Amino acid sequence: MTCCDGMMEGPKSAVFTTVRARDGHLFHLDLHLERLSKHAEVLGIEIPEIKVPLELDGLVKIHVDSNGVKFTSKPFYQEIHMEAEGITVAAPRWSRKIMGTKHGDWDAYREITSEIFKKGVDVALLVHEFCIVDGDRVMPLVLDDDGVVWISDSKLGGVDSVTFAICKSAIEDAGFVISEGRLNERIVARAKEFVLLGTGMGAARLTVLDDVDIGDGSNGLQQVCIKALGEDWR
């Protein structure tokens, strides 16, 4: 895709966030705008005053570029808090500074999501150097037998998750220890539970990955996250 001046659009051309909305109410909008501002600063984009339109519903994308702010919405496309099946795909990569932001060169993520839906799969988990670093539109959490909830080290390029920010205190209050690390094959293979957090899915539980069963059938971590998300995600 090219801009009107013939220059290629790159990651620093825009910043966005996707918010869950119902009957005109955007859930946790303050956290989304905080992340939008944080990512915009990294990308060198100035955020103008954002006035939210009335009667938004579904998954609402707030997109900021040189033309200003644009809101688009689409229906919820998946069952919330589902049991999900996934596959692994190679993670898109950009410069170290760009990685981890919701930026203007997002087509690679959209293409991955489109392809997995064509295959009847619920989610793609993105792999770099033999580790899961993110999901196509979720953040992966892996619970091991010791009660440690593993998340991918932020330095590996995963996008910081608003849904995780909402759930983090509840996860710790429930007695789980959260640790950043490399979600390698060993950690995933011995997962007691594998939870996917995202604006569209809520708190889904991954049960199959690359045609291999995941977890031991327990859903304690998922239920903690569902409770933390509350009525907003029902």
Protein backbone atom coordinates (compact mmCIF):
# COMPACT_ATOMS: atom_id res chain seq x y z
CA MET A 1 0.00 0.00 0.00
CA THR A 2 1.27 3.48 -0.78
CA CYS A 3 0.51 6.96 0.46
CA CYS A 4 -0.72 9.71 -1.83
CA ASP A 5 2.84 11.04 -2.25
CA GLY A 6 4.04 7.68 -3.54
CA MET A 7 6.02 6.82 -0.42
CA MET A 8 5.51 3.41 1.11
CA GLU A 9 3.53 3.38 4.33
CA GLY A 10 5.63 2.05 7.18
CA PRO A 11 5.12 1.21 10.84
CA LYS A 12 5.59 4.83 11.90
CA SER A 13 2.70 5.99 9.71
CA ALA A 14 -0.02 5.18 12.27
CA VAL A 15 -0.87 3.85 15.70
CA PHE A 16 -4.04 2.11 16.87
CA THR A 17 -5.83 0.21 19.59
CA THR A 18 -8.92 -2.01 19.54
CA VAL A 19 -11.52 -1.56 22.28
CA ARG A 20 -14.48 -3.69 23.30
CA ALA A 21 -17.72 -1.67 23.16
CA ARG A 22 -21.36 -2.22 23.94
CA ASP A 23 -24.20 0.26 23.54
CA GLY A 24 -21.80 3.16 23.17
CA HIS A 25 -19.67 2.29 26.20
CA LEU A 26 -16.01 1.52 25.48
CA PHE A 27 -14.68 -0.77 28.19
CA HIS A 28 -11.45 0.32 29.89
CA LEU A 29 -11.02 3.14 27.40
CA ASP A 30 -8.60 4.86 29.77
CA LEU A 31 -6.16 1.92 29.61
CA HIS A 32 -6.44 1.75 25.83
CA LEU A 33 -5.76 5.47 25.44
CA GLU A 34 -2.82 5.18 27.83
CA ARG A 35 -1.33 2.41 25.66
CA LEU A 36 -2.13 4.35 22.49
CA SER A 37 -0.23 7.35 23.82
CA LYS A 38 2.70 5.20 24.92
CA HIS A 39 3.00 3.52 21.52
CA ALA A 40 2.51 6.83 19.68
CA GLU A 41 5.46 8.30 21.57
CA VAL A 42 7.67 5.40 20.45
CA LEU A 43 6.50 5.82 16.85
CA GLY A 44 6.85 9.61 16.86
CA ILE A 45 3.13 10.24 16.33
CA GLU A 46 1.28 13.11 17.99
CA ILE A 47 -2.08 12.14 19.44
CA PRO A 48 -4.77 14.83 18.92
CA GLU A 49 -7.81 15.23 21.13
CA ILE A 50 -9.91 12.09 20.84
CA LYS A 51 -13.68 12.51 20.86
CA VAL A 52 -15.47 9.19 20.99
CA PRO A 53 -18.57 8.91 18.76
CA LEU A 54 -21.86 7.81 20.26
CA GLU A 55 -23.48 4.37 19.87
CA LEU A 56 -20.34 2.39 19.06
CA ASP A 57 -20.69 -1.36 19.39
CA GLY A 58 -18.51 -4.43 18.88
CA LEU A 59 -14.75 -4.31 18.40
CA VAL A 60 -13.87 -0.66 17.90
CA LYS A 61 -10.56 0.30 16.32
CA ILE A 62 -9.17 3.74 17.21
CA HIS A 63 -6.68 4.61 14.46
CA VAL A 64 -4.46 7.71 14.50
CA ASP A 65 -2.36 8.89 11.56
CA SER A 66 -1.43 12.16 9.86
CA ASN A 67 -5.07 12.64 8.85
CA GLY A 68 -6.30 12.53 12.44
CA VAL A 69 -8.40 10.02 14.37
CA LYS A 70 -10.65 7.41 12.76
CA PHE A 71 -13.07 5.02 14.45
CA THR A 72 -14.17 1.78 12.80
CA SER A 73 -16.15 -1.06 14.33
CA LYS A 74 -16.91 -4.67 13.49
CA PRO A 75 -19.04 -7.34 15.18
CA PHE A 76 -17.60 -9.74 17.71
CA TYR A 77 -16.43 -12.63 15.55
CA GLN A 78 -15.80 -15.33 18.14
CA GLU A 79 -17.41 -16.80 21.20
CA ILE A 80 -16.07 -15.12 24.33
CA HIS A 81 -14.07 -17.16 26.91
CA MET A 82 -13.96 -20.08 24.47
CA GLU A 83 -11.91 -23.25 24.32
CA ALA A 84 -9.56 -22.53 21.44
CA GLU A 85 -7.45 -24.47 18.98
CA GLY A 86 -4.31 -22.87 17.58
CA ILE A 87 -1.37 -23.25 15.28
CA THR A 88 2.12 -21.74 15.36
CA VAL A 89 3.37 -19.43 12.62
CA ALA A 90 6.49 -17.35 12.16
CA ALA A 91 6.26 -14.01 13.97
CA PRO A 92 6.38 -10.86 11.82
CA ARG A 93 9.46 -8.81 12.68
CA TRP A 94 10.35 -5.13 12.55
CA SER A 95 13.13 -3.08 14.15
CA ARG A 96 13.63 -3.51 17.89
CA LYS A 97 12.14 -0.08 18.60
CA ILE A 98 8.99 -0.84 16.60
CA MET A 99 8.40 -4.32 18.01
CA GLY A 100 5.73 -4.35 20.70
CA THR A 101 3.75 -1.39 19.36
CA LYS A 102 0.39 -1.33 17.54
CA HIS A 103 1.75 0.38 14.46
CA GLY A 104 0.84 1.30 10.89
CA ASP A 105 2.28 -1.74 9.13
CA TRP A 106 -0.11 -4.30 10.63
CA ASP A 107 -1.10 -6.17 7.45
CA ALA A 108 1.16 -9.11 8.31
CA TYR A 109 -0.90 -9.75 11.45
CA ARG A 110 -4.19 -9.35 9.57
CA GLU A 111 -3.06 -11.80 6.89
CA ILE A 112 -2.16 -14.38 9.54
CA THR A 113 -5.59 -14.04 11.15
CA SER A 114 -7.32 -14.34 7.78
CA GLU A 115 -5.38 -17.47 6.88
CA ILE A 116 -6.07 -19.30 10.14
CA PHE A 117 -9.78 -18.53 9.91
CA LYS A 118 -9.77 -20.11 6.44
CA LYS A 119 -8.35 -23.25 8.08
CA GLY A 120 -10.98 -23.23 10.83
CA VAL A 121 -8.41 -22.41 13.51
CA ASP A 122 -9.18 -19.99 16.34
CA VAL A 123 -5.79 -18.41 16.95
CA ALA A 124 -2.21 -18.20 15.71
CA LEU A 125 0.68 -18.18 18.15
CA LEU A 126 3.69 -16.34 16.80
CA VAL A 127 7.08 -17.99 17.06
CA HIS A 128 10.55 -16.45 16.86
CA GLU A 129 13.77 -18.33 17.58
CA PHE A 130 11.81 -21.41 18.76
CA CYS A 131 9.77 -19.46 21.32
CA ILE A 132 6.19 -18.19 21.36
CA VAL A 133 6.49 -14.40 21.56
CA ASP A 134 2.85 -13.33 21.03
CA GLY A 135 -0.48 -14.21 19.45
CA ASP A 136 -2.06 -12.77 16.32
CA ARG A 137 -4.58 -10.92 18.53
CA VAL A 138 -4.08 -12.42 22.00
CA MET A 139 -1.46 -12.56 24.73
CA PRO A 140 -0.46 -16.12 25.75
CA LEU A 141 -0.15 -17.14 29.41
CA VAL A 142 1.27 -20.54 30.33
CA LEU A 143 0.64 -22.00 33.80
CA ASP A 144 3.06 -24.69 34.97
CA ASP A 145 2.71 -27.29 37.74
CA ASP A 146 4.52 -25.03 40.21
CA GLY A 147 1.87 -22.31 39.98
CA VAL A 148 4.02 -20.03 37.86
CA VAL A 149 2.28 -18.13 35.07
CA TRP A 150 4.81 -17.62 32.30
CA ILE A 151 4.50 -14.71 29.89
CA SER A 152 6.82 -13.90 27.01
CA ASP A 153 9.66 -11.53 27.85
CA SER A 154 8.65 -8.09 26.56
CA LYS A 155 12.07 -7.74 24.93
CA LEU A 156 11.12 -10.50 22.48
CA GLY A 157 8.56 -8.28 20.77
CA GLY A 158 5.11 -9.10 22.13
CA VAL A 159 2.55 -6.29 22.28
CA ASP A 160 1.65 -5.22 25.82
CA SER A 161 -1.91 -6.34 26.53
CA VAL A 162 -4.65 -4.19 28.05
CA THR A 163 -6.59 -7.37 28.90
CA PHE A 164 -3.59 -8.69 30.82
CA ALA A 165 -3.24 -5.37 32.64
CA ILE A 166 -6.85 -5.75 33.82
CA CYS A 167 -6.27 -9.34 35.02
CA LYS A 168 -2.75 -9.07 36.45
CA SER A 169 -3.62 -8.16 40.06
CA ALA A 170 -6.34 -10.83 40.23
CA ILE A 171 -3.90 -13.46 38.97
CA GLU A 172 -1.38 -12.55 41.66
CA ASP A 173 -4.08 -12.31 44.35
CA ALA A 174 -5.13 -15.86 43.47
CA GLY A 175 -1.66 -17.06 44.45
CA PHE A 176 -0.07 -17.41 41.04
CA VAL A 177 3.44 -16.09 40.43
CA ILE A 178 3.90 -14.21 37.16
CA SER A 179 7.29 -14.62 35.51
CA GLU A 180 8.64 -13.31 32.20
CA GLY A 181 10.72 -15.70 30.15
CA ARG A 182 11.04 -17.61 26.91
CA LEU A 183 7.92 -19.64 26.09
CA ASN A 184 9.89 -22.48 24.56
CA GLU A 185 8.75 -25.98 23.65
CA ARG A 186 9.62 -27.36 27.08
CA ILE A 187 7.44 -24.86 28.97
CA VAL A 188 4.53 -25.26 26.56
CA ALA A 189 4.74 -29.08 26.60
CA ARG A 190 4.43 -29.18 30.40
CA ALA A 191 1.70 -26.55 30.59
CA LYS A 192 -0.99 -27.24 33.14
CA GLU A 193 -3.14 -24.57 31.53
CA PHE A 194 -2.68 -22.23 28.57
CA VAL A 195 -4.78 -19.05 28.59
CA LEU A 196 -5.19 -16.51 25.78
CA LEU A 197 -6.11 -12.95 26.77
CA GLY A 198 -7.44 -10.47 24.24
CA THR A 199 -10.08 -7.84 23.59
CA GLY A 200 -11.95 -10.09 21.18
CA MET A 201 -11.61 -13.44 23.00
CA GLY A 202 -11.64 -12.33 26.62
CA ALA A 203 -9.98 -15.20 28.48
CA ALA A 204 -9.91 -18.21 26.17
CA ARG A 205 -8.29 -21.54 27.07
CA LEU A 206 -6.00 -23.13 24.48
CA THR A 207 -6.68 -26.87 24.33
CA VAL A 208 -4.92 -27.85 21.08
CA LEU A 209 -1.78 -26.44 19.47
CA ASP A 210 -0.49 -27.78 16.16
CA ASP A 211 -2.79 -30.79 16.61
CA VAL A 212 -1.29 -31.61 20.04
CA ASP A 213 -3.41 -31.53 23.21
CA ILE A 214 -2.39 -28.76 25.62
CA GLY A 215 -2.94 -28.65 29.39
CA ASP A 216 -4.44 -31.14 31.83
CA GLY A 217 -8.05 -29.96 31.49
CA SER A 218 -8.00 -27.59 34.46
CA ASN A 219 -9.31 -24.05 34.05
CA GLY A 220 -8.46 -22.30 37.31
CA LEU A 221 -6.35 -19.55 35.73
CA GLN A 222 -8.96 -18.96 33.04
CA GLN A 223 -11.70 -18.59 35.65
CA VAL A 224 -9.62 -16.07 37.61
CA CYS A 225 -9.24 -14.00 34.45
CA ILE A 226 -12.92 -14.27 33.53
CA LYS A 227 -13.88 -13.02 36.99
CA ALA A 228 -11.37 -10.16 36.75
CA LEU A 229 -12.79 -9.07 33.41
CA GLY A 230 -16.28 -9.07 34.89
CA GLU A 231 -19.56 -8.25 33.19
CA ASP A 232 -17.79 -6.16 30.53
CA TRP A 233 -16.72 -9.38 28.82
CA ARG A 234 -20.01 -11.32 28.86
